Protein backbone atom coordinates (compact mmCIF):
# COMPACT_ATOMS: atom_id res chain seq x y z
CA SER A 1 -43.73 -6.65 -32.24
CA SER A 2 -44.90 -3.43 -30.57
CA LEU A 3 -44.79 -1.68 -33.94
CA LEU A 4 -46.90 -4.45 -35.44
CA ILE A 5 -49.45 -4.15 -32.63
CA LEU A 6 -49.70 -0.39 -33.01
CA SER A 7 -49.84 -0.58 -36.81
CA ARG A 8 -52.88 -2.82 -36.53
CA ALA A 9 -54.44 -0.52 -33.94
CA PHE A 10 -54.61 2.55 -36.17
CA THR A 11 -56.40 3.14 -39.43
CA ILE A 12 -55.31 6.12 -41.46
CA THR A 13 -57.81 7.39 -43.96
CA ASP A 14 -57.12 9.64 -46.89
CA ILE A 15 -59.98 11.69 -48.28
CA THR A 16 -59.13 12.35 -51.90
CA ARG A 17 -62.41 13.89 -53.05
CA GLU A 18 -61.95 17.31 -54.60
CA ASP A 19 -65.15 18.60 -53.03
CA ALA A 20 -64.22 17.65 -49.44
CA ALA A 21 -64.59 20.57 -47.05
CA ALA A 22 -61.48 21.81 -45.28
CA GLY A 23 -63.21 23.95 -42.67
CA ALA A 24 -62.69 24.17 -38.94
CA GLY A 25 -64.86 21.12 -38.27
CA ASP A 26 -63.03 18.96 -40.80
CA VAL A 27 -61.04 16.09 -39.31
CA GLY A 28 -60.13 14.53 -42.65
CA TRP A 29 -57.17 15.30 -44.83
CA VAL A 30 -57.36 16.59 -48.36
CA ALA A 31 -54.19 16.46 -50.45
CA GLY A 32 -53.12 19.94 -51.47
CA ALA A 33 -55.83 21.73 -49.48
CA VAL A 34 -54.96 24.96 -47.72
CA THR A 35 -56.43 25.00 -44.23
CA ASP A 36 -56.37 27.55 -41.51
CA GLU A 37 -54.54 27.09 -38.23
CA HIS A 38 -57.74 26.45 -36.29
CA ALA A 39 -58.69 23.53 -38.53
CA ALA A 40 -55.17 22.09 -38.25
CA ALA A 41 -55.28 22.38 -34.45
CA GLU A 42 -58.69 20.67 -34.36
CA ARG A 43 -57.47 17.81 -36.55
CA HIS A 44 -54.42 17.41 -34.33
CA THR A 45 -56.57 17.34 -31.18
CA ALA A 46 -58.96 14.81 -32.76
CA ALA A 47 -56.06 12.61 -33.85
CA MET A 48 -54.53 12.70 -30.36
CA ARG A 49 -57.91 11.78 -28.85
CA GLU A 50 -58.19 8.83 -31.23
CA ILE A 51 -54.68 7.67 -30.33
CA GLN A 52 -55.48 7.91 -26.62
CA ASP A 53 -58.71 5.94 -27.13
CA THR A 54 -56.89 3.27 -29.14
CA LEU A 55 -54.14 2.88 -26.54
CA ALA A 56 -56.66 2.84 -23.70
CA ASN A 57 -58.52 -0.04 -25.37
CA LEU A 58 -55.47 -2.26 -25.87
CA PRO A 59 -55.56 -5.47 -23.81
CA GLN A 60 -53.55 -5.31 -20.58
CA GLU A 61 -51.32 -8.21 -21.72
CA VAL A 62 -50.29 -6.24 -24.81
CA VAL A 63 -49.44 -3.16 -22.75
CA ILE A 64 -47.35 -5.22 -20.33
CA SER A 65 -45.59 -7.03 -23.18
CA VAL A 66 -44.72 -3.80 -25.00
CA THR A 67 -43.56 -2.15 -21.77
CA GLN A 68 -41.27 -5.07 -20.95
CA GLU A 69 -39.98 -5.14 -24.52
CA ARG A 70 -39.19 -1.43 -24.30
CA SER A 71 -37.32 -1.75 -21.02
CA LEU A 72 -35.31 -4.68 -22.37
CA ALA A 73 -34.39 -2.68 -25.46
CA SER A 74 -33.22 0.27 -23.36
CA SER A 75 -31.31 -2.11 -21.07
CA ARG A 76 -29.58 -3.60 -24.12
CA LYS A 77 -28.70 -0.11 -25.36
CA GLU A 78 -27.24 0.84 -21.99
CA GLU A 79 -25.30 -2.42 -21.82
CA MET A 80 -23.88 -1.90 -25.31
CA ALA A 81 -22.95 1.69 -24.43
CA ARG A 82 -21.10 0.49 -21.31
CA LYS A 83 -19.29 -2.18 -23.34
CA MET A 84 -18.28 0.37 -25.97
CA GLU A 85 -17.01 2.75 -23.28
CA PHE A 86 -15.01 -0.07 -21.66
CA LEU A 87 -13.54 -1.11 -25.02
CA THR A 88 -12.61 2.49 -25.81
CA GLN A 89 -10.81 2.79 -22.47
CA GLU A 90 -9.02 -0.51 -23.05
CA GLU A 91 -7.96 0.63 -26.51
CA GLU A 92 -6.53 3.85 -25.05
CA LEU A 93 -4.61 1.84 -22.42
CA ILE A 94 -3.19 -0.46 -25.08
CA GLU A 95 -2.07 2.52 -27.17
CA THR A 96 -0.39 4.05 -24.11
CA GLU A 97 1.38 0.78 -23.31
CA ILE A 98 2.60 0.45 -26.91
CA ALA A 99 3.94 4.02 -26.85
CA ASP A 100 5.71 3.36 -23.51
CA GLN A 101 7.17 0.12 -24.85
CA LYS A 102 8.52 1.87 -27.96
CA LEU A 103 10.06 4.57 -25.81
CA GLU A 104 11.79 1.96 -23.62
CA GLU A 105 13.07 0.11 -26.69
CA THR A 106 14.46 3.37 -28.10
CA GLU A 107 16.23 4.12 -24.80
CA VAL A 108 17.73 0.59 -24.69
CA ARG A 109 19.01 0.95 -28.28
CA GLU A 110 20.53 4.36 -27.52
CA LYS A 111 22.30 2.95 -24.43
CA ALA A 112 23.56 -0.03 -26.43
CA ALA A 113 24.81 2.25 -29.21
CA ALA A 114 26.60 4.51 -26.69
CA LYS A 115 28.68 1.61 -25.31
C-alpha cells in the first residue's frame, strides 16, 4: 500500500516537443537530448526538492501507516532469516546423526562378521 500511496503522490511528465530547451534552467526531460552536467545536476536537485515537498505534505496518518508497514516487513524478513538459519543448523545436525548412525551400523556388521 505504501507503493500505491507514493505512486499517487508523484506525477512524472515527459516533454516530447522537439523544440524544448535543454539548457541549465530546464527541469523537463527531452528524449534523446544531450544536456550538460550542470543542467542534469539542476534537474536532479529540482526533482529531489519536489520529492521532499510531496513527502512533507503527506498526511500524518499515512506516514505512520507506511512506517509501521515497513517495520513489520523488516521484522518478517528477520524472522524468516532466523527460521532459515535454525532449519539449516537442524539439517546439518540430522546429516551428522545419519553419518554417525551409518558408521555404528558398519562397525556392528564388521564385529558380527568377525565372530
